[in-house]
N, C-alpha and C. Protein backbone atom coordinates (compact mmCIF):
# COMPACT_ATOMS: atom_id res chain seq x y z
N HIS A 1 1.84 63.50 -30.69
CA HIS A 1 3.02 64.22 -30.28
C HIS A 1 3.74 63.46 -29.17
N GLY A 2 5.05 63.40 -29.25
CA GLY A 2 5.84 62.81 -28.19
C GLY A 2 6.10 63.84 -27.11
N LEU A 3 6.59 63.39 -25.97
CA LEU A 3 6.83 64.28 -24.83
C LEU A 3 7.90 65.32 -25.17
N ASN A 4 8.99 64.91 -25.84
CA ASN A 4 10.05 65.86 -26.19
C ASN A 4 9.57 66.88 -27.21
N GLU A 5 8.76 66.42 -28.19
CA GLU A 5 8.25 67.37 -29.18
C GLU A 5 7.33 68.40 -28.52
N THR A 6 6.55 67.95 -27.55
CA THR A 6 5.63 68.85 -26.86
C THR A 6 6.39 69.92 -26.10
N LYS A 7 7.50 69.54 -25.42
CA LYS A 7 8.30 70.50 -24.68
C LYS A 7 8.93 71.52 -25.62
N SER A 8 9.44 71.04 -26.76
CA SER A 8 10.12 71.95 -27.68
C SER A 8 9.14 72.86 -28.40
N GLU A 9 7.90 72.43 -28.57
CA GLU A 9 6.92 73.26 -29.28
C GLU A 9 6.18 74.21 -28.33
N GLN A 10 6.59 74.19 -27.06
CA GLN A 10 5.95 75.05 -26.08
C GLN A 10 4.45 74.73 -25.93
N ARG A 11 4.12 73.44 -26.02
CA ARG A 11 2.73 73.02 -25.85
C ARG A 11 2.59 72.36 -24.48
N ALA A 12 2.91 73.08 -23.46
CA ALA A 12 2.88 72.56 -22.10
C ALA A 12 1.48 72.13 -21.68
N ASP A 13 0.45 72.63 -22.36
CA ASP A 13 -0.91 72.27 -22.00
C ASP A 13 -1.22 70.79 -22.29
N LEU A 14 -0.39 70.16 -23.17
CA LEU A 14 -0.61 68.75 -23.49
C LEU A 14 0.09 67.79 -22.52
N LEU A 15 1.05 68.29 -21.75
CA LEU A 15 1.82 67.43 -20.84
C LEU A 15 0.94 66.65 -19.85
N PRO A 16 -0.02 67.25 -19.18
CA PRO A 16 -0.85 66.45 -18.26
C PRO A 16 -1.62 65.34 -18.97
N SER A 17 -2.11 65.60 -20.17
CA SER A 17 -2.83 64.58 -20.93
C SER A 17 -1.92 63.41 -21.31
N ILE A 18 -0.71 63.73 -21.70
CA ILE A 18 0.24 62.68 -22.09
C ILE A 18 0.63 61.85 -20.87
N ARG A 19 0.86 62.53 -19.74
CA ARG A 19 1.20 61.80 -18.50
C ARG A 19 0.05 60.90 -18.06
N LEU A 20 -1.18 61.41 -18.13
CA LEU A 20 -2.34 60.62 -17.74
C LEU A 20 -2.47 59.39 -18.64
N ARG A 21 -2.31 59.59 -19.93
CA ARG A 21 -2.40 58.46 -20.87
C ARG A 21 -1.33 57.41 -20.56
N HIS A 22 -0.12 57.87 -20.30
CA HIS A 22 0.98 56.96 -19.98
C HIS A 22 0.69 56.18 -18.69
N CYS A 23 0.19 56.86 -17.66
CA CYS A 23 -0.16 56.18 -16.40
C CYS A 23 -1.27 55.16 -16.62
N CYS A 24 -2.26 55.50 -17.45
CA CYS A 24 -3.35 54.56 -17.75
C CYS A 24 -2.82 53.33 -18.48
N LEU A 25 -1.91 53.52 -19.42
CA LEU A 25 -1.33 52.38 -20.14
C LEU A 25 -0.57 51.47 -19.19
N LEU A 26 0.22 52.06 -18.28
CA LEU A 26 0.97 51.25 -17.31
C LEU A 26 0.02 50.50 -16.38
N ARG A 27 -1.05 51.16 -15.92
CA ARG A 27 -2.03 50.50 -15.06
C ARG A 27 -2.69 49.33 -15.79
N ASN A 28 -3.10 49.56 -17.02
CA ASN A 28 -3.74 48.49 -17.80
C ASN A 28 -2.79 47.32 -18.00
N GLN A 29 -1.52 47.61 -18.22
CA GLN A 29 -0.52 46.56 -18.39
C GLN A 29 -0.39 45.74 -17.11
N ARG A 30 -0.37 46.41 -15.94
CA ARG A 30 -0.30 45.69 -14.67
C ARG A 30 -1.55 44.84 -14.45
N CYS A 31 -2.72 45.35 -14.79
CA CYS A 31 -3.98 44.61 -14.62
C CYS A 31 -4.01 43.36 -15.50
N VAL A 32 -3.59 43.50 -16.74
CA VAL A 32 -3.56 42.34 -17.64
C VAL A 32 -2.57 41.30 -17.14
N GLY A 33 -1.42 41.76 -16.66
CA GLY A 33 -0.43 40.82 -16.11
C GLY A 33 -0.97 40.07 -14.90
N ALA A 34 -1.67 40.78 -14.00
CA ALA A 34 -2.26 40.14 -12.82
C ALA A 34 -3.34 39.14 -13.23
N TYR A 35 -4.16 39.51 -14.23
CA TYR A 35 -5.22 38.62 -14.71
C TYR A 35 -4.63 37.33 -15.29
N LEU A 36 -3.61 37.48 -16.13
CA LEU A 36 -2.99 36.30 -16.74
C LEU A 36 -2.31 35.42 -15.69
N TYR A 37 -1.67 36.02 -14.71
CA TYR A 37 -1.03 35.25 -13.64
C TYR A 37 -2.08 34.48 -12.84
N ASP A 38 -3.21 35.12 -12.54
CA ASP A 38 -4.29 34.44 -11.82
C ASP A 38 -4.82 33.25 -12.62
N ARG A 39 -4.95 33.41 -13.93
CA ARG A 39 -5.42 32.29 -14.77
C ARG A 39 -4.42 31.13 -14.72
N LEU A 40 -3.12 31.44 -14.75
CA LEU A 40 -2.11 30.37 -14.67
C LEU A 40 -2.18 29.64 -13.34
N LEU A 41 -2.42 30.37 -12.25
CA LEU A 41 -2.57 29.72 -10.95
C LEU A 41 -3.78 28.79 -10.94
N ARG A 42 -4.86 29.24 -11.57
CA ARG A 42 -6.07 28.40 -11.64
C ARG A 42 -5.84 27.17 -12.52
N ILE A 43 -5.11 27.34 -13.61
CA ILE A 43 -4.80 26.20 -14.50
C ILE A 43 -3.90 25.21 -13.76
N ARG A 44 -2.95 25.71 -13.00
CA ARG A 44 -2.08 24.83 -12.21
C ARG A 44 -2.92 24.04 -11.21
N ALA A 45 -3.90 24.70 -10.57
CA ALA A 45 -4.77 24.03 -9.60
C ALA A 45 -5.62 22.95 -10.28
N LEU A 46 -5.96 23.14 -11.56
CA LEU A 46 -6.75 22.14 -12.28
C LEU A 46 -5.99 20.82 -12.38
N ARG A 47 -4.67 20.87 -12.53
CA ARG A 47 -3.88 19.64 -12.61
C ARG A 47 -4.00 18.85 -11.31
N TRP A 48 -4.03 19.54 -10.19
CA TRP A 48 -4.13 18.88 -8.89
C TRP A 48 -5.56 18.40 -8.64
N GLU A 49 -6.54 19.10 -9.21
CA GLU A 49 -7.94 18.73 -8.98
C GLU A 49 -8.40 17.60 -9.89
N TYR A 50 -8.09 17.69 -11.19
CA TYR A 50 -8.60 16.73 -12.17
C TYR A 50 -7.58 15.68 -12.61
N GLY A 51 -6.32 15.88 -12.31
CA GLY A 51 -5.31 14.96 -12.80
C GLY A 51 -4.76 15.46 -14.14
N SER A 52 -4.14 14.57 -14.89
CA SER A 52 -3.47 14.99 -16.12
C SER A 52 -4.42 15.11 -17.31
N VAL A 53 -5.67 14.68 -17.16
CA VAL A 53 -6.65 14.79 -18.24
C VAL A 53 -7.76 15.74 -17.81
N LEU A 54 -7.87 16.86 -18.53
CA LEU A 54 -8.90 17.84 -18.20
C LEU A 54 -10.22 17.49 -18.89
N PRO A 55 -11.33 17.75 -18.23
CA PRO A 55 -12.63 17.54 -18.88
C PRO A 55 -12.78 18.46 -20.09
N ALA A 56 -13.57 18.04 -21.05
CA ALA A 56 -13.74 18.80 -22.29
C ALA A 56 -14.30 20.19 -22.04
N ASN A 57 -15.23 20.32 -21.09
CA ASN A 57 -15.82 21.65 -20.84
C ASN A 57 -14.80 22.62 -20.26
N VAL A 58 -13.79 22.12 -19.55
CA VAL A 58 -12.73 22.99 -19.02
C VAL A 58 -11.77 23.36 -20.15
N ARG A 59 -11.39 22.38 -20.96
CA ARG A 59 -10.47 22.63 -22.08
C ARG A 59 -11.05 23.64 -23.06
N PHE A 60 -12.37 23.61 -23.23
CA PHE A 60 -13.06 24.49 -24.18
C PHE A 60 -12.82 25.97 -23.84
N HIS A 61 -12.70 26.27 -22.55
CA HIS A 61 -12.55 27.66 -22.12
C HIS A 61 -11.10 28.10 -21.98
N MET A 62 -10.17 27.29 -22.48
CA MET A 62 -8.75 27.64 -22.39
C MET A 62 -8.20 27.97 -23.77
N SER A 63 -7.28 28.91 -23.82
CA SER A 63 -6.64 29.26 -25.09
C SER A 63 -5.59 28.20 -25.43
N ALA A 64 -5.10 28.24 -26.66
CA ALA A 64 -4.06 27.28 -27.09
C ALA A 64 -2.80 27.45 -26.24
N GLU A 65 -2.46 28.68 -25.91
CA GLU A 65 -1.27 28.94 -25.09
C GLU A 65 -1.45 28.38 -23.68
N GLU A 66 -2.67 28.51 -23.13
CA GLU A 66 -2.93 27.98 -21.80
C GLU A 66 -2.87 26.45 -21.81
N LEU A 67 -3.39 25.82 -22.85
CA LEU A 67 -3.31 24.37 -22.96
C LEU A 67 -1.86 23.92 -23.08
N GLN A 68 -1.06 24.68 -23.81
CA GLN A 68 0.36 24.37 -23.94
C GLN A 68 1.05 24.51 -22.58
N TRP A 69 0.73 25.57 -21.83
CA TRP A 69 1.31 25.77 -20.51
C TRP A 69 0.92 24.62 -19.58
N PHE A 70 -0.35 24.19 -19.65
CA PHE A 70 -0.83 23.08 -18.82
C PHE A 70 -0.04 21.81 -19.15
N THR A 71 0.18 21.54 -20.42
CA THR A 71 0.93 20.36 -20.84
C THR A 71 2.36 20.41 -20.30
N CYS A 72 3.00 21.56 -20.42
CA CYS A 72 4.37 21.71 -19.88
C CYS A 72 4.39 21.54 -18.36
N TYR A 73 3.39 22.09 -17.68
CA TYR A 73 3.34 21.97 -16.22
C TYR A 73 3.15 20.51 -15.81
N LYS A 74 2.24 19.80 -16.47
CA LYS A 74 2.01 18.41 -16.07
C LYS A 74 3.23 17.53 -16.38
N LYS A 75 3.99 17.85 -17.44
CA LYS A 75 5.23 17.11 -17.72
C LYS A 75 6.27 17.39 -16.65
N SER A 76 6.39 18.64 -16.23
CA SER A 76 7.34 19.00 -15.17
C SER A 76 6.97 18.32 -13.86
N LEU A 77 5.68 18.31 -13.53
CA LEU A 77 5.22 17.67 -12.30
C LEU A 77 5.47 16.17 -12.35
N ALA A 78 5.21 15.55 -13.50
CA ALA A 78 5.45 14.11 -13.66
C ALA A 78 6.93 13.79 -13.51
N SER A 79 7.78 14.61 -14.09
CA SER A 79 9.22 14.41 -13.97
C SER A 79 9.66 14.53 -12.52
N PHE A 80 9.12 15.51 -11.80
CA PHE A 80 9.45 15.68 -10.39
C PHE A 80 9.00 14.47 -9.58
N MET A 81 7.79 13.98 -9.84
CA MET A 81 7.26 12.84 -9.08
C MET A 81 8.06 11.57 -9.35
N ARG A 82 8.54 11.41 -10.60
CA ARG A 82 9.38 10.24 -10.92
C ARG A 82 10.70 10.27 -10.16
N SER A 83 11.19 11.47 -9.85
CA SER A 83 12.48 11.60 -9.17
C SER A 83 12.39 11.32 -7.67
N LEU A 84 11.19 11.21 -7.14
CA LEU A 84 11.00 10.99 -5.71
C LEU A 84 10.87 9.51 -5.38
N GLY A 85 11.04 9.18 -4.11
CA GLY A 85 10.71 7.86 -3.60
C GLY A 85 11.58 6.72 -4.08
N GLY A 86 12.87 6.91 -4.16
CA GLY A 86 13.72 5.79 -4.61
C GLY A 86 13.66 5.68 -6.12
N GLY A 87 13.47 4.62 -6.73
CA GLY A 87 13.39 4.52 -8.19
C GLY A 87 11.97 4.48 -8.69
N GLY A 88 11.01 4.23 -7.80
CA GLY A 88 9.63 4.03 -8.24
C GLY A 88 8.81 5.28 -8.40
N GLY A 89 9.29 6.39 -7.88
CA GLY A 89 8.52 7.61 -7.96
C GLY A 89 7.47 7.68 -6.86
N LEU A 90 6.86 8.84 -6.75
CA LEU A 90 5.86 9.07 -5.72
C LEU A 90 4.83 10.06 -6.27
N ASP A 91 3.56 9.66 -6.26
CA ASP A 91 2.50 10.54 -6.75
C ASP A 91 2.08 11.48 -5.63
N VAL A 92 2.55 12.72 -5.69
CA VAL A 92 2.25 13.69 -4.64
C VAL A 92 0.85 14.29 -4.80
N THR A 93 0.16 13.98 -5.88
CA THR A 93 -1.19 14.51 -6.08
C THR A 93 -2.25 13.64 -5.41
N GLN A 94 -1.87 12.48 -4.90
CA GLN A 94 -2.81 11.61 -4.21
C GLN A 94 -3.02 12.09 -2.79
N ASP A 95 -4.15 11.70 -2.23
CA ASP A 95 -4.48 12.01 -0.83
C ASP A 95 -4.26 13.48 -0.49
N MET A 96 -4.98 14.33 -1.21
CA MET A 96 -4.89 15.76 -0.95
C MET A 96 -5.38 16.08 0.46
N ARG A 97 -6.31 15.29 0.98
CA ARG A 97 -6.74 15.38 2.37
C ARG A 97 -6.46 14.03 3.01
N PRO A 98 -6.05 13.99 4.26
CA PRO A 98 -5.75 12.71 4.90
C PRO A 98 -6.97 11.78 4.84
N PRO A 99 -6.78 10.54 4.38
CA PRO A 99 -7.92 9.62 4.25
C PRO A 99 -8.35 9.07 5.60
N LYS A 100 -9.66 8.82 5.72
CA LYS A 100 -10.19 8.18 6.93
C LYS A 100 -10.02 6.68 6.84
N SER A 101 -10.02 6.16 5.60
CA SER A 101 -9.81 4.73 5.40
C SER A 101 -9.04 4.54 4.10
N LEU A 102 -8.34 3.42 3.98
CA LEU A 102 -7.55 3.16 2.78
C LEU A 102 -8.40 2.67 1.62
N TYR A 103 -9.56 2.07 1.90
CA TYR A 103 -10.46 1.58 0.87
C TYR A 103 -11.78 2.34 0.94
N ILE A 104 -12.38 2.57 -0.24
CA ILE A 104 -13.67 3.26 -0.28
C ILE A 104 -14.62 2.53 -1.22
N GLN A 105 -15.91 2.75 -0.98
CA GLN A 105 -16.95 2.20 -1.85
C GLN A 105 -17.19 3.21 -2.97
N VAL A 106 -17.12 2.75 -4.23
CA VAL A 106 -17.33 3.63 -5.38
C VAL A 106 -18.35 3.03 -6.32
N ARG A 107 -19.04 3.91 -7.05
CA ARG A 107 -19.97 3.50 -8.09
C ARG A 107 -19.45 4.05 -9.42
N CYS A 108 -19.50 3.22 -10.43
CA CYS A 108 -19.02 3.63 -11.75
C CYS A 108 -20.12 4.42 -12.45
N VAL A 109 -19.81 5.65 -12.87
CA VAL A 109 -20.78 6.52 -13.51
C VAL A 109 -20.88 6.22 -15.00
N LYS A 110 -19.77 5.82 -15.61
CA LYS A 110 -19.78 5.48 -17.04
C LYS A 110 -18.77 4.36 -17.30
N ASP A 111 -18.96 3.65 -18.37
CA ASP A 111 -18.05 2.55 -18.73
C ASP A 111 -16.64 3.09 -18.90
N HIS A 112 -15.67 2.37 -18.30
CA HIS A 112 -14.28 2.82 -18.39
C HIS A 112 -13.34 1.68 -18.79
N GLY A 113 -13.75 0.45 -18.60
CA GLY A 113 -12.87 -0.67 -18.93
C GLY A 113 -12.26 -1.26 -17.68
N GLU A 114 -11.13 -1.92 -17.84
CA GLU A 114 -10.51 -2.62 -16.73
C GLU A 114 -9.55 -1.70 -15.97
N LEU A 115 -9.48 -1.96 -14.65
CA LEU A 115 -8.56 -1.25 -13.77
C LEU A 115 -7.80 -2.29 -12.98
N GLU A 116 -6.47 -2.22 -13.01
CA GLU A 116 -5.65 -3.17 -12.26
C GLU A 116 -5.28 -2.55 -10.93
N ILE A 117 -5.52 -3.31 -9.84
CA ILE A 117 -5.14 -2.82 -8.52
C ILE A 117 -3.84 -3.49 -8.10
N ASP A 118 -3.32 -3.11 -6.93
CA ASP A 118 -1.98 -3.51 -6.48
C ASP A 118 -1.68 -5.00 -6.56
N ASP A 119 -2.63 -5.81 -6.16
CA ASP A 119 -2.36 -7.25 -6.11
C ASP A 119 -2.50 -7.93 -7.47
N GLY A 120 -2.70 -7.16 -8.53
CA GLY A 120 -2.82 -7.72 -9.87
C GLY A 120 -4.24 -8.04 -10.28
N THR A 121 -5.18 -7.85 -9.39
CA THR A 121 -6.58 -8.11 -9.70
C THR A 121 -7.09 -7.08 -10.70
N LEU A 122 -7.83 -7.55 -11.70
CA LEU A 122 -8.44 -6.66 -12.67
C LEU A 122 -9.90 -6.44 -12.28
N VAL A 123 -10.32 -5.18 -12.24
CA VAL A 123 -11.69 -4.82 -11.91
C VAL A 123 -12.30 -4.17 -13.14
N LEU A 124 -13.47 -4.68 -13.57
CA LEU A 124 -14.15 -4.12 -14.73
C LEU A 124 -15.02 -2.96 -14.26
N LEU A 125 -14.69 -1.76 -14.72
CA LEU A 125 -15.45 -0.57 -14.37
C LEU A 125 -16.55 -0.36 -15.41
N LYS A 126 -17.72 -0.87 -15.09
CA LYS A 126 -18.87 -0.80 -15.98
C LYS A 126 -19.91 0.09 -15.34
N LYS A 127 -20.66 0.83 -16.14
CA LYS A 127 -21.64 1.79 -15.63
C LYS A 127 -22.55 1.14 -14.60
N ASN A 128 -22.75 1.86 -13.48
CA ASN A 128 -23.61 1.46 -12.35
C ASN A 128 -23.06 0.32 -11.51
N SER A 129 -21.87 -0.20 -11.80
CA SER A 129 -21.29 -1.23 -10.95
C SER A 129 -20.67 -0.57 -9.72
N GLN A 130 -20.66 -1.30 -8.59
CA GLN A 130 -20.07 -0.78 -7.36
C GLN A 130 -18.90 -1.64 -6.96
N HIS A 131 -17.88 -0.98 -6.40
CA HIS A 131 -16.65 -1.68 -6.03
C HIS A 131 -16.10 -1.11 -4.73
N PHE A 132 -15.35 -1.93 -4.01
CA PHE A 132 -14.63 -1.53 -2.80
C PHE A 132 -13.16 -1.52 -3.17
N LEU A 133 -12.59 -0.34 -3.42
CA LEU A 133 -11.25 -0.22 -4.01
C LEU A 133 -10.34 0.65 -3.16
N PRO A 134 -9.01 0.50 -3.37
CA PRO A 134 -8.07 1.39 -2.67
C PRO A 134 -8.32 2.85 -3.05
N ARG A 135 -8.36 3.70 -2.05
CA ARG A 135 -8.65 5.12 -2.27
C ARG A 135 -7.69 5.74 -3.28
N TRP A 136 -6.40 5.45 -3.18
CA TRP A 136 -5.41 6.10 -4.05
C TRP A 136 -5.60 5.73 -5.51
N LYS A 137 -6.18 4.55 -5.78
CA LYS A 137 -6.43 4.14 -7.17
C LYS A 137 -7.64 4.84 -7.75
N CYS A 138 -8.52 5.36 -6.87
CA CYS A 138 -9.79 5.92 -7.32
C CYS A 138 -9.82 7.44 -7.42
N GLU A 139 -8.94 8.13 -6.69
CA GLU A 139 -9.07 9.59 -6.59
C GLU A 139 -9.10 10.29 -7.94
N HIS A 140 -8.19 9.94 -8.84
CA HIS A 140 -8.18 10.60 -10.15
C HIS A 140 -9.42 10.25 -10.95
N LEU A 141 -9.88 9.02 -10.85
CA LEU A 141 -11.08 8.62 -11.58
C LEU A 141 -12.32 9.32 -11.03
N ILE A 142 -12.33 9.59 -9.73
CA ILE A 142 -13.44 10.35 -9.14
C ILE A 142 -13.41 11.78 -9.65
N ARG A 143 -12.22 12.38 -9.69
CA ARG A 143 -12.09 13.77 -10.18
C ARG A 143 -12.47 13.88 -11.65
N GLN A 144 -12.23 12.83 -12.41
CA GLN A 144 -12.55 12.85 -13.84
C GLN A 144 -14.01 12.53 -14.11
N GLY A 145 -14.76 12.17 -13.06
CA GLY A 145 -16.18 11.89 -13.24
C GLY A 145 -16.49 10.48 -13.69
N ILE A 146 -15.51 9.58 -13.63
CA ILE A 146 -15.73 8.19 -14.04
C ILE A 146 -16.31 7.40 -12.88
N LEU A 147 -15.84 7.68 -11.66
CA LEU A 147 -16.35 7.03 -10.45
C LEU A 147 -16.94 8.08 -9.54
N GLU A 148 -17.85 7.64 -8.65
CA GLU A 148 -18.32 8.52 -7.59
C GLU A 148 -18.22 7.78 -6.28
N HIS A 149 -17.84 8.50 -5.25
CA HIS A 149 -17.68 7.93 -3.92
C HIS A 149 -19.06 7.68 -3.33
N VAL A 150 -19.33 6.45 -2.90
CA VAL A 150 -20.61 6.11 -2.30
C VAL A 150 -20.45 6.30 -0.79
N VAL A 151 -21.17 7.26 -0.25
CA VAL A 151 -21.10 7.55 1.18
C VAL A 151 -22.34 6.97 1.85
N HIS A 152 -22.10 6.16 2.86
CA HIS A 152 -23.23 5.51 3.57
C HIS A 152 -23.69 6.37 4.69
């Protein structure tokens, strides 16, 4: 029964039940909206934590729509970063915390291939090899689990 039908049929005893049901539906709608918004905030934070490539175990727990949203977000962020810093762009996801030194000691956790650093030097990232590299070149690889920071 709709609310108007209930009033016209003189079934006033159903009005509290209908109002309660309506309030419950609105509350549930607000809760689902808050839950989905929180998930989007967490997915946005993943881009800053892991870079543009998410680990497989993280991707596994995301819906197709969430993966699509992540892709759109990372494209928007990349476009924004390209627009900064003159013509060369600026990676704002680097140095999330102020570095203590510009170079760090890293150990390669798995084979990754060659990495070119600023001066054109190619470094072969082979499992268990250690390197002294610029921090900004390593941060995304550390987040992706390819390198680990060796702390003395």
